[in-house]
Amino acid sequence: MIKIIYQGRLCNNLIQWLFGKILSLQLNTGYISNEQLTKWFPNTKNNIINENLSNIIELTGHKIDIENILPNQHIILKGFYQRYEYYKNYKNEIKEWLKCNIEPKYKIEKNDIVLHIRRGDSVMNNDLNYYSIKGHCACPLSYWENILDNEIYNKVWIITESPNDKLVSILKNKYDAKIISDSPIEDWVLLKSANKIIMSWGTFSWLSSWLSDAEKIYFPLIGDWHPNSPRSKEINLWTDEERYIYYDMKTRKYLTYKSLINY
């Protein structure tokens, strides 16, 4: 039986559920879901079997040796499990599991570009060297400007939980952007509907972008996502799809996945 101790917010919880679901398939056991997730994602409902096992183990952090986990154990998940390798081979299934009962409120056209800007609880700093060592980072203004000034698009949309942030205001005025700041689930389904996406650092951006049908996705190499991060061996959400363009915040270089893995 797998019990998930949910931590963080919406997409932290979704990734924690996904890891538990995949683990349950590999071990042929059940799992206990999150009622809040089930409200929006009906396919995440509980699957309770083997509830009274006495051998209990806890799995924390991100990097887990899945192959050495034995069946017939009561597993408590208390980590975040942010590694693309866990989810890569289940993408089609994940799209089914995370079918949402909420539709986007707005129509984003194919040649529009959408920025997901995370500010609030992320650390901000003007020193670009800082972005390769500090895990929890907000992207600086130069990241958004550099991409927008070199991209072709019709309209700019900004999805953010910080609509009054100074950086958001600067981008709104400079690029005549439309600001969207609804509930987390409404923002998530809207971002997922876009065809061109500029991500922020964080699981909200990563999961919605990965599950989208977007043709182009800009991925910021900052904080824990940067190759020079102290935690880059533990956290790795780099995605081996050609639609991804990786932007190194420190050097201002654009990279493909193939060039990134040897960077």
C-alpha atoms as a PDB file:
ATOM      1  CA  MET A   1       0.000   0.000   0.000  1.00  0.00           C
ATOM      2  CA  ILE A   2       1.274   3.481  -0.852  1.00  0.00           C
ATOM      3  CA  LYS A   3       0.412   6.530   1.235  1.00  0.00           C
ATOM      4  CA  ILE A   4       1.409   9.924  -0.128  1.00  0.00           C
ATOM      5  CA  ILE A   5       2.206  12.756   2.287  1.00  0.00           C
ATOM      6  CA  TYR A   6       1.305  15.681   0.059  1.00  0.00           C
ATOM      7  CA  GLN A   7       3.581  18.705   0.327  1.00  0.00           C
ATOM      8  CA  GLY A   8       3.641  22.010  -1.506  1.00  0.00           C
ATOM      9  CA  ARG A   9       1.004  23.188  -3.921  1.00  0.00           C
ATOM     10  CA  LEU A  10      -0.945  21.958  -6.951  1.00  0.00           C
ATOM     11  CA  CYS A  11       1.780  20.619  -9.231  1.00  0.00           C
ATOM     12  CA  ASN A  12       3.985  19.381  -6.394  1.00  0.00           C
ATOM     13  CA  ASN A  13       0.941  17.320  -5.381  1.00  0.00           C
ATOM     14  CA  LEU A  14       0.295  16.136  -8.933  1.00  0.00           C
ATOM     15  CA  ILE A  15       3.877  14.956  -9.343  1.00  0.00           C
ATOM     16  CA  GLN A  16       3.770  13.258  -5.945  1.00  0.00           C
ATOM     17  CA  TRP A  17       0.573  11.485  -7.007  1.00  0.00           C
ATOM     18  CA  LEU A  18       2.096  10.492 -10.353  1.00  0.00           C
ATOM     19  CA  PHE A  19       5.124   8.984  -8.652  1.00  0.00           C
ATOM     20  CA  GLY A  20       2.852   7.067  -6.281  1.00  0.00           C
ATOM     21  CA  LYS A  21       0.644   5.887  -9.148  1.00  0.00           C
ATOM     22  CA  ILE A  22       3.590   4.670 -11.223  1.00  0.00           C
ATOM     23  CA  LEU A  23       5.116   2.965  -8.205  1.00  0.00           C
ATOM     24  CA  SER A  24       1.796   1.263  -7.494  1.00  0.00           C
ATOM     25  CA  LEU A  25       1.733  -0.135 -11.038  1.00  0.00           C
ATOM     26  CA  GLN A  26       5.266  -1.454 -10.772  1.00  0.00           C
ATOM     27  CA  LEU A  27       4.655  -3.052  -7.365  1.00  0.00           C
ATOM     28  CA  ASN A  28       1.058  -4.127  -8.053  1.00  0.00           C
ATOM     29  CA  THR A  29      -0.253  -2.371  -4.963  1.00  0.00           C
ATOM     30  CA  GLY A  30      -2.765   0.349  -4.066  1.00  0.00           C
ATOM     31  CA  TYR A  31      -2.450   4.014  -3.182  1.00  0.00           C
ATOM     32  CA  ILE A  32      -4.373   6.693  -1.314  1.00  0.00           C
ATOM     33  CA  SER A  33      -5.119   9.843  -3.310  1.00  0.00           C
ATOM     34  CA  ASN A  34      -5.735  13.480  -2.444  1.00  0.00           C
ATOM     35  CA  GLU A  35      -9.409  14.535  -2.335  1.00  0.00           C
ATOM     36  CA  GLN A  36      -8.567  17.980  -3.712  1.00  0.00           C
ATOM     37  CA  LEU A  37      -6.863  16.453  -6.755  1.00  0.00           C
ATOM     38  CA  THR A  38      -9.736  14.040  -7.318  1.00  0.00           C
ATOM     39  CA  LYS A  39     -12.134  16.993  -7.465  1.00  0.00           C
ATOM     40  CA  TRP A  40     -10.351  18.325 -10.565  1.00  0.00           C
ATOM     41  CA  PHE A  41      -8.792  15.129 -11.905  1.00  0.00           C
ATOM     42  CA  PRO A  42     -11.378  12.331 -11.513  1.00  0.00           C
ATOM     43  CA  ASN A  43      -8.949   9.642 -12.689  1.00  0.00           C
ATOM     44  CA  THR A  44      -6.769  10.142  -9.596  1.00  0.00           C
ATOM     45  CA  LYS A  45      -9.272   8.464  -7.277  1.00  0.00           C
ATOM     46  CA  ASN A  46      -8.110   6.012  -4.590  1.00  0.00           C
ATOM     47  CA  ASN A  47      -7.123   2.444  -5.339  1.00  0.00           C
ATOM     48  CA  ILE A  48      -6.971   0.848  -1.872  1.00  0.00           C
ATOM     49  CA  ILE A  49      -5.633  -2.703  -1.586  1.00  0.00           C
ATOM     50  CA  ASN A  50      -3.233  -4.437   0.809  1.00  0.00           C
ATOM     51  CA  GLU A  51      -3.983  -1.835   3.455  1.00  0.00           C
ATOM     52  CA  ASN A  52      -2.752  -3.714   6.562  1.00  0.00           C
ATOM     53  CA  LEU A  53       0.895  -4.384   5.711  1.00  0.00           C
ATOM     54  CA  SER A  54       3.255  -4.169   8.677  1.00  0.00           C
ATOM     55  CA  ASN A  55       6.603  -3.615   6.908  1.00  0.00           C
ATOM     56  CA  ILE A  56       6.788   0.188   6.518  1.00  0.00           C
ATOM     57  CA  ILE A  57       9.356   2.187   4.528  1.00  0.00           C
ATOM     58  CA  GLU A  58       9.589   5.923   3.844  1.00  0.00           C
ATOM     59  CA  LEU A  59      10.861   7.388   0.562  1.00  0.00           C
ATOM     60  CA  THR A  60      11.987  11.018   0.724  1.00  0.00           C
ATOM     61  CA  GLY A  61      13.829  13.501  -1.472  1.00  0.00           C
ATOM     62  CA  HIS A  62      13.821  13.204  -5.252  1.00  0.00           C
ATOM     63  CA  LYS A  63      16.094  10.398  -6.429  1.00  0.00           C
ATOM     64  CA  ILE A  64      14.749   6.941  -5.627  1.00  0.00           C
ATOM     65  CA  ASP A  65      16.179   3.497  -6.478  1.00  0.00           C
ATOM     66  CA  ILE A  66      12.853   2.170  -7.680  1.00  0.00           C
ATOM     67  CA  GLU A  67      14.154  -1.189  -8.881  1.00  0.00           C
ATOM     68  CA  ASN A  68      15.220  -2.192  -5.373  1.00  0.00           C
ATOM     69  CA  ILE A  69      11.878  -1.437  -3.700  1.00  0.00           C
ATOM     70  CA  LEU A  70      10.288  -4.712  -2.671  1.00  0.00           C
ATOM     71  CA  PRO A  71       6.570  -5.482  -3.112  1.00  0.00           C
ATOM     72  CA  ASN A  72       4.279  -6.213  -0.140  1.00  0.00           C
ATOM     73  CA  GLN A  73       5.511  -3.199   1.821  1.00  0.00           C
ATOM     74  CA  HIS A  74       3.603  -0.256   3.220  1.00  0.00           C
ATOM     75  CA  ILE A  75       5.303   2.690   1.488  1.00  0.00           C
ATOM     76  CA  ILE A  76       5.049   6.267   2.728  1.00  0.00           C
ATOM     77  CA  LEU A  77       6.032   8.882   0.169  1.00  0.00           C
ATOM     78  CA  LYS A  78       7.383  12.072   1.766  1.00  0.00           C
ATOM     79  CA  GLY A  79       9.406  13.522  -1.108  1.00  0.00           C
ATOM     80  CA  PHE A  80       8.981  15.526  -4.307  1.00  0.00           C
ATOM     81  CA  TYR A  81      10.348  13.106  -6.974  1.00  0.00           C
ATOM     82  CA  GLN A  82      11.292  15.703  -9.573  1.00  0.00           C
ATOM     83  CA  ARG A  83      13.058  13.481 -12.113  1.00  0.00           C
ATOM     84  CA  TYR A  84      11.875  13.215 -15.705  1.00  0.00           C
ATOM     85  CA  GLU A  85      13.070   9.612 -15.965  1.00  0.00           C
ATOM     86  CA  TYR A  86      10.229   8.456 -13.683  1.00  0.00           C
ATOM     87  CA  TYR A  87       7.520   9.850 -15.958  1.00  0.00           C
ATOM     88  CA  LYS A  88       8.975   9.741 -19.477  1.00  0.00           C
ATOM     89  CA  ASN A  89       7.679   6.283 -20.425  1.00  0.00           C
ATOM     90  CA  TYR A  90       4.196   6.946 -19.011  1.00  0.00           C
ATOM     91  CA  LYS A  91       3.338  10.153 -20.852  1.00  0.00           C
ATOM     92  CA  ASN A  92       0.297   8.792 -22.697  1.00  0.00           C
ATOM     93  CA  GLU A  93      -1.047   7.251 -19.496  1.00  0.00           C
ATOM     94  CA  ILE A  94      -0.368  10.437 -17.546  1.00  0.00           C
ATOM     95  CA  LYS A  95      -2.396  12.469 -20.043  1.00  0.00           C
ATOM     96  CA  GLU A  96      -5.321  10.135 -19.331  1.00  0.00           C
ATOM     97  CA  TRP A  97      -4.824  10.125 -15.564  1.00  0.00           C
ATOM     98  CA  LEU A  98      -4.657  13.921 -15.452  1.00  0.00           C
ATOM     99  CA  LYS A  99      -7.623  14.663 -17.660  1.00  0.00           C
ATOM    100  CA  CYS A 100      -9.141  17.709 -16.002  1.00  0.00           C
ATOM    101  CA  ASN A 101     -12.839  18.490 -15.676  1.00  0.00           C
ATOM    102  CA  ILE A 102     -12.166  22.218 -16.134  1.00  0.00           C
ATOM    103  CA  GLU A 103     -11.802  23.818 -19.585  1.00  0.00           C
ATOM    104  CA  PRO A 104      -9.689  26.909 -20.424  1.00  0.00           C
ATOM    105  CA  LYS A 105     -11.556  30.183 -19.935  1.00  0.00           C
ATOM    106  CA  TYR A 106      -9.807  31.905 -22.852  1.00  0.00           C
ATOM    107  CA  LYS A 107      -8.843  31.042 -26.424  1.00  0.00           C
ATOM    108  CA  ILE A 108      -5.112  31.287 -27.043  1.00  0.00           C
ATOM    109  CA  GLU A 109      -4.336  31.319 -30.752  1.00  0.00           C
ATOM    110  CA  LYS A 110      -1.653  29.141 -32.322  1.00  0.00           C
ATOM    111  CA  ASN A 111       0.816  31.972 -32.923  1.00  0.00           C
ATOM    112  CA  ASP A 112       0.329  33.630 -29.543  1.00  0.00           C
ATOM    113  CA  ILE A 113       3.027  33.174 -26.917  1.00  0.00           C
ATOM    114  CA  VAL A 114       2.346  32.517 -23.229  1.00  0.00           C
ATOM    115  CA  LEU A 115       4.625  33.386 -20.336  1.00  0.00           C
ATOM    116  CA  HIS A 116       4.144  31.684 -17.011  1.00  0.00           C
ATOM    117  CA  ILE A 117       5.722  34.063 -14.510  1.00  0.00           C
ATOM    118  CA  ARG A 118       6.323  32.784 -11.008  1.00  0.00           C
ATOM    119  CA  ARG A 119       7.424  35.452  -8.558  1.00  0.00           C
ATOM    120  CA  GLY A 120       5.796  35.458  -5.096  1.00  0.00           C
ATOM    121  CA  ASP A 121       7.600  32.742  -3.102  1.00  0.00           C
ATOM    122  CA  SER A 122      10.690  32.544  -5.344  1.00  0.00           C
ATOM    123  CA  VAL A 123      13.984  34.271  -4.596  1.00  0.00           C
ATOM    124  CA  MET A 124      14.917  37.199  -6.851  1.00  0.00           C
ATOM    125  CA  ASN A 125      18.427  38.515  -7.457  1.00  0.00           C
ATOM    126  CA  ASN A 126      20.131  40.621 -10.134  1.00  0.00           C
ATOM    127  CA  ASP A 127      23.413  38.665 -10.080  1.00  0.00           C
ATOM    128  CA  LEU A 128      23.255  36.114 -12.917  1.00  0.00           C
ATOM    129  CA  ASN A 129      25.852  33.899 -11.202  1.00  0.00           C
ATOM    130  CA  TYR A 130      23.342  33.518  -8.392  1.00  0.00           C
ATOM    131  CA  TYR A 131      20.917  31.627 -10.621  1.00  0.00           C
ATOM    132  CA  SER A 132      23.153  28.576 -10.968  1.00  0.00           C
ATOM    133  CA  ILE A 133      23.616  28.056  -7.226  1.00  0.00           C
ATOM    134  CA  LYS A 134      20.375  29.108  -5.510  1.00  0.00           C
ATOM    135  CA  GLY A 135      17.671  26.469  -5.860  1.00  0.00           C
ATOM    136  CA  HIS A 136      14.448  28.464  -5.593  1.00  0.00           C
ATOM    137  CA  CYS A 137      14.682  31.243  -8.176  1.00  0.00           C
ATOM    138  CA  ALA A 138      12.467  33.670 -10.034  1.00  0.00           C
ATOM    139  CA  CYS A 139      13.543  34.387 -13.612  1.00  0.00           C
ATOM    140  CA  PRO A 140      14.953  37.900 -14.122  1.00  0.00           C
ATOM    141  CA  LEU A 141      13.572  40.439 -16.593  1.00  0.00           C
ATOM    142  CA  SER A 142      16.383  39.727 -19.082  1.00  0.00           C
ATOM    143  CA  TYR A 143      15.163  36.143 -19.544  1.00  0.00           C
ATOM    144  CA  TRP A 144      11.729  37.193 -20.753  1.00  0.00           C
ATOM    145  CA  GLU A 145      12.983  40.123 -22.824  1.00  0.00           C
ATOM    146  CA  ASN A 146      15.696  38.149 -24.592  1.00  0.00           C
ATOM    147  CA  ILE A 147      13.250  35.478 -25.748  1.00  0.00           C
ATOM    148  CA  LEU A 148      10.398  37.831 -26.679  1.00  0.00           C
ATOM    149  CA  ASP A 149      12.719  40.140 -28.625  1.00  0.00           C
ATOM    150  CA  ASN A 150      13.885  37.196 -30.745  1.00  0.00           C
ATOM    151  CA  GLU A 151      10.618  35.261 -31.138  1.00  0.00           C
ATOM    152  CA  ILE A 152       7.784  35.650 -33.664  1.00  0.00           C
ATOM    153  CA  TYR A 153       4.256  35.849 -32.246  1.00  0.00           C
ATOM    154  CA  ASN A 154       0.965  37.694 -32.541  1.00  0.00           C
ATOM    155  CA  LYS A 155      -0.017  38.287 -28.939  1.00  0.00           C
ATOM    156  CA  VAL A 156       1.636  37.920 -25.541  1.00  0.00           C
ATOM    157  CA  TRP A 157      -0.214  36.345 -22.636  1.00  0.00           C
ATOM    158  CA  ILE A 158       1.134  36.392 -19.074  1.00  0.00           C
ATOM    159  CA  ILE A 159      -0.180  33.812 -16.611  1.00  0.00           C
ATOM    160  CA  THR A 160       0.888  34.675 -13.073  1.00  0.00           C
ATOM    161  CA  GLU A 161      -0.181  34.619  -9.453  1.00  0.00           C
ATOM    162  CA  SER A 162       1.549  38.005  -9.033  1.00  0.00           C
ATOM    163  CA  PRO A 163      -0.318  40.335 -11.440  1.00  0.00           C
ATOM    164  CA  ASN A 164       0.818  43.466  -9.587  1.00  0.00           C
ATOM    165  CA  ASP A 165       4.507  42.565  -9.568  1.00  0.00           C
ATOM    166  CA  LYS A 166       6.782  45.248 -11.058  1.00  0.00           C
ATOM    167  CA  LEU A 167       8.360  42.834 -13.556  1.00  0.00           C
ATOM    168  CA  VAL A 168       4.919  41.754 -14.772  1.00  0.00           C
ATOM    169  CA  SER A 169       3.938  45.401 -15.243  1.00  0.00           C
ATOM    170  CA  ILE A 170       7.092  46.126 -17.251  1.00  0.00           C
ATOM    171  CA  LEU A 171       6.430  43.208 -19.596  1.00  0.00           C
ATOM    172  CA  LYS A 172       2.736  44.064 -19.887  1.00  0.00           C
ATOM    173  CA  ASN A 173       3.519  47.604 -20.984  1.00  0.00           C
ATOM    174  CA  LYS A 174       6.439  46.753 -23.262  1.00  0.00           C
ATOM    175  CA  TYR A 175       4.724  43.892 -25.120  1.00  0.00           C
ATOM    176  CA  ASP A 176       1.058  44.878 -24.729  1.00  0.00           C
ATOM    177  CA  ALA A 177       0.460  41.600 -22.898  1.00  0.00           C
ATOM    178  CA  LYS A 178      -2.809  40.252 -21.537  1.00  0.00           C
ATOM    179  CA  ILE A 179      -2.522  39.355 -17.831  1.00  0.00           C
ATOM    180  CA  ILE A 180      -4.326  36.273 -16.499  1.00  0.00           C
ATOM    181  CA  SER A 181      -4.398  35.522 -12.778  1.00  0.00           C
ATOM    182  CA  ASP A 182      -7.259  33.197 -11.933  1.00  0.00           C
ATOM    183  CA  SER A 183      -7.283  30.146  -9.658  1.00  0.00           C
ATOM    184  CA  PRO A 184      -4.302  27.748  -9.846  1.00  0.00           C
ATOM    185  CA  ILE A 185      -6.302  25.074 -11.667  1.00  0.00           C
ATOM    186  CA  GLU A 186      -7.741  27.568 -14.181  1.00  0.00           C
ATOM    187  CA  ASP A 187      -4.273  28.985 -14.848  1.00  0.00           C
ATOM    188  CA  TRP A 188      -2.869  25.469 -15.216  1.00  0.00           C
ATOM    189  CA  VAL A 189      -5.359  24.342 -17.873  1.00  0.00           C
ATOM    190  CA  LEU A 190      -4.912  27.627 -19.750  1.00  0.00           C
ATOM    191  CA  LEU A 191      -1.122  27.339 -19.808  1.00  0.00           C
ATOM    192  CA  LYS A 192      -1.469  23.731 -20.943  1.00  0.00           C
ATOM    193  CA  SER A 193      -3.565  24.904 -23.930  1.00  0.00           C
ATOM    194  CA  ALA A 194      -0.829  27.158 -25.360  1.00  0.00           C
ATOM    195  CA  ASN A 195       1.215  26.452 -28.485  1.00  0.00           C
ATOM    196  CA  LYS A 196       4.263  28.567 -27.548  1.00  0.00           C
ATOM    197  CA  ILE A 197       5.303  28.634 -23.892  1.00  0.00           C
ATOM    198  CA  ILE A 198       8.018  30.416 -21.947  1.00  0.00           C
ATOM    199  CA  MET A 199       8.364  28.560 -18.658  1.00  0.00           C
ATOM    200  CA  SER A 200       9.298  29.754 -15.194  1.00  0.00           C
ATOM    201  CA  TRP A 201      11.269  27.664 -12.761  1.00  0.00           C
ATOM    202  CA  GLY A 202       8.895  25.307 -10.939  1.00  0.00           C
ATOM    203  CA  THR A 203       6.711  22.242 -11.277  1.00  0.00           C
ATOM    204  CA  PHE A 204       3.640  24.275 -12.298  1.00  0.00           C
ATOM    205  CA  SER A 205       5.386  25.385 -15.487  1.00  0.00           C
ATOM    206  CA  TRP A 206       7.105  22.075 -16.065  1.00  0.00           C
ATOM    207  CA  LEU A 207       4.115  19.738 -15.784  1.00  0.00           C
ATOM    208  CA  SER A 208       1.611  21.888 -17.694  1.00  0.00           C
ATOM    209  CA  SER A 209       4.145  22.520 -20.489  1.00  0.00           C
ATOM    210  CA  TRP A 210       5.178  18.885 -20.771  1.00  0.00           C
ATOM    211  CA  LEU A 211       1.559  17.689 -20.981  1.00  0.00           C
ATOM    212  CA  SER A 212       0.651  20.389 -23.496  1.00  0.00           C
ATOM    213  CA  ASP A 213       0.684  20.017 -27.271  1.00  0.00           C
ATOM    214  CA  ALA A 214       2.859  23.124 -27.567  1.00  0.00           C
ATOM    215  CA  GLU A 215       5.193  23.202 -30.559  1.00  0.00           C
ATOM    216  CA  LYS A 216       7.818  25.307 -28.778  1.00  0.00           C
ATOM    217  CA  ILE A 217       8.740  25.456 -25.075  1.00  0.00           C
ATOM    218  CA  TYR A 218      11.445  27.635 -23.525  1.00  0.00           C
ATOM    219  CA  PHE A 219      12.973  26.028 -20.428  1.00  0.00           C
ATOM    220  CA  PRO A 220      15.018  28.257 -18.035  1.00  0.00           C
ATOM    221  CA  LEU A 221      18.266  26.807 -16.753  1.00  0.00           C
ATOM    222  CA  ILE A 222      18.254  28.357 -13.297  1.00  0.00           C
ATOM    223  CA  GLY A 223      18.487  27.227  -9.700  1.00  0.00           C
ATOM    224  CA  ASP A 224      18.080  23.480  -9.259  1.00  0.00           C
ATOM    225  CA  TRP A 225      17.548  23.143 -13.025  1.00  0.00           C
ATOM    226  CA  HIS A 226      20.976  24.568 -13.877  1.00  0.00           C
ATOM    227  CA  PRO A 227      23.808  22.143 -14.743  1.00  0.00           C
ATOM    228  CA  ASN A 228      26.010  23.839 -12.122  1.00  0.00           C
ATOM    229  CA  SER A 229      23.449  23.531  -9.338  1.00  0.00           C
ATOM    230  CA  PRO A 230      24.605  21.616  -6.241  1.00  0.00           C
ATOM    231  CA  ARG A 231      21.405  19.554  -6.565  1.00  0.00           C
ATOM    232  CA  SER A 232      21.571  18.856 -10.318  1.00  0.00           C
ATOM    233  CA  LYS A 233      22.425  15.201  -9.602  1.00  0.00           C
ATOM    234  CA  GLU A 234      19.247  14.875  -7.535  1.00  0.00           C
ATOM    235  CA  ILE A 235      16.716  17.020  -9.407  1.00  0.00           C
ATOM    236  CA  ASN A 236      16.533  16.657 -13.185  1.00  0.00           C
ATOM    237  CA  LEU A 237      13.476  17.636 -15.216  1.00  0.00           C
ATOM    238  CA  TRP A 238      15.354  18.190 -18.484  1.00  0.00           C
ATOM    239  CA  THR A 239      13.132  16.810 -21.219  1.00  0.00           C
ATOM    240  CA  ASP A 240      14.452  15.040 -24.331  1.00  0.00           C
ATOM    241  CA  GLU A 241      11.890  16.413 -26.783  1.00  0.00           C
ATOM    242  CA  GLU A 242      12.891  18.533 -29.785  1.00  0.00           C
ATOM    243  CA  ARG A 243      10.295  21.195 -29.024  1.00  0.00           C
ATOM    244  CA  TYR A 244      12.274  22.297 -25.939  1.00  0.00           C
ATOM    245  CA  ILE A 245      14.730  25.194 -26.075  1.00  0.00           C
ATOM    246  CA  TYR A 246      16.935  25.544 -22.998  1.00  0.00           C
ATOM    247  CA  TYR A 247      18.062  29.011 -21.962  1.00  0.00           C
ATOM    248  CA  ASP A 248      21.101  29.322 -19.713  1.00  0.00           C
ATOM    249  CA  MET A 249      20.445  32.275 -17.436  1.00  0.00           C
ATOM    250  CA  LYS A 250      24.147  32.701 -16.691  1.00  0.00           C
ATOM    251  CA  THR A 251      25.592  32.685 -20.231  1.00  0.00           C
ATOM    252  CA  ARG A 252      22.422  33.698 -22.122  1.00  0.00           C
ATOM    253  CA  LYS A 253      22.909  30.785 -24.508  1.00  0.00           C
ATOM    254  CA  TYR A 254      20.161  28.755 -26.149  1.00  0.00           C
ATOM    255  CA  LEU A 255      20.682  24.987 -26.004  1.00  0.00           C
ATOM    256  CA  THR A 256      19.041  21.843 -27.306  1.00  0.00           C
ATOM    257  CA  TYR A 257      18.693  18.781 -25.098  1.00  0.00           C
ATOM    258  CA  LYS A 258      21.563  17.075 -26.933  1.00  0.00           C
ATOM    259  CA  SER A 259      23.896  19.996 -26.345  1.00  0.00           C
ATOM    260  CA  LEU A 260      22.692  20.383 -22.770  1.00  0.00           C
ATOM    261  CA  ILE A 261      23.589  16.862 -21.603  1.00  0.00           C
ATOM    262  CA  ASN A 262      27.210  17.482 -22.596  1.00  0.00           C
ATOM    263  CA  TYR A 263      27.247  21.066 -21.371  1.00  0.00           C
END
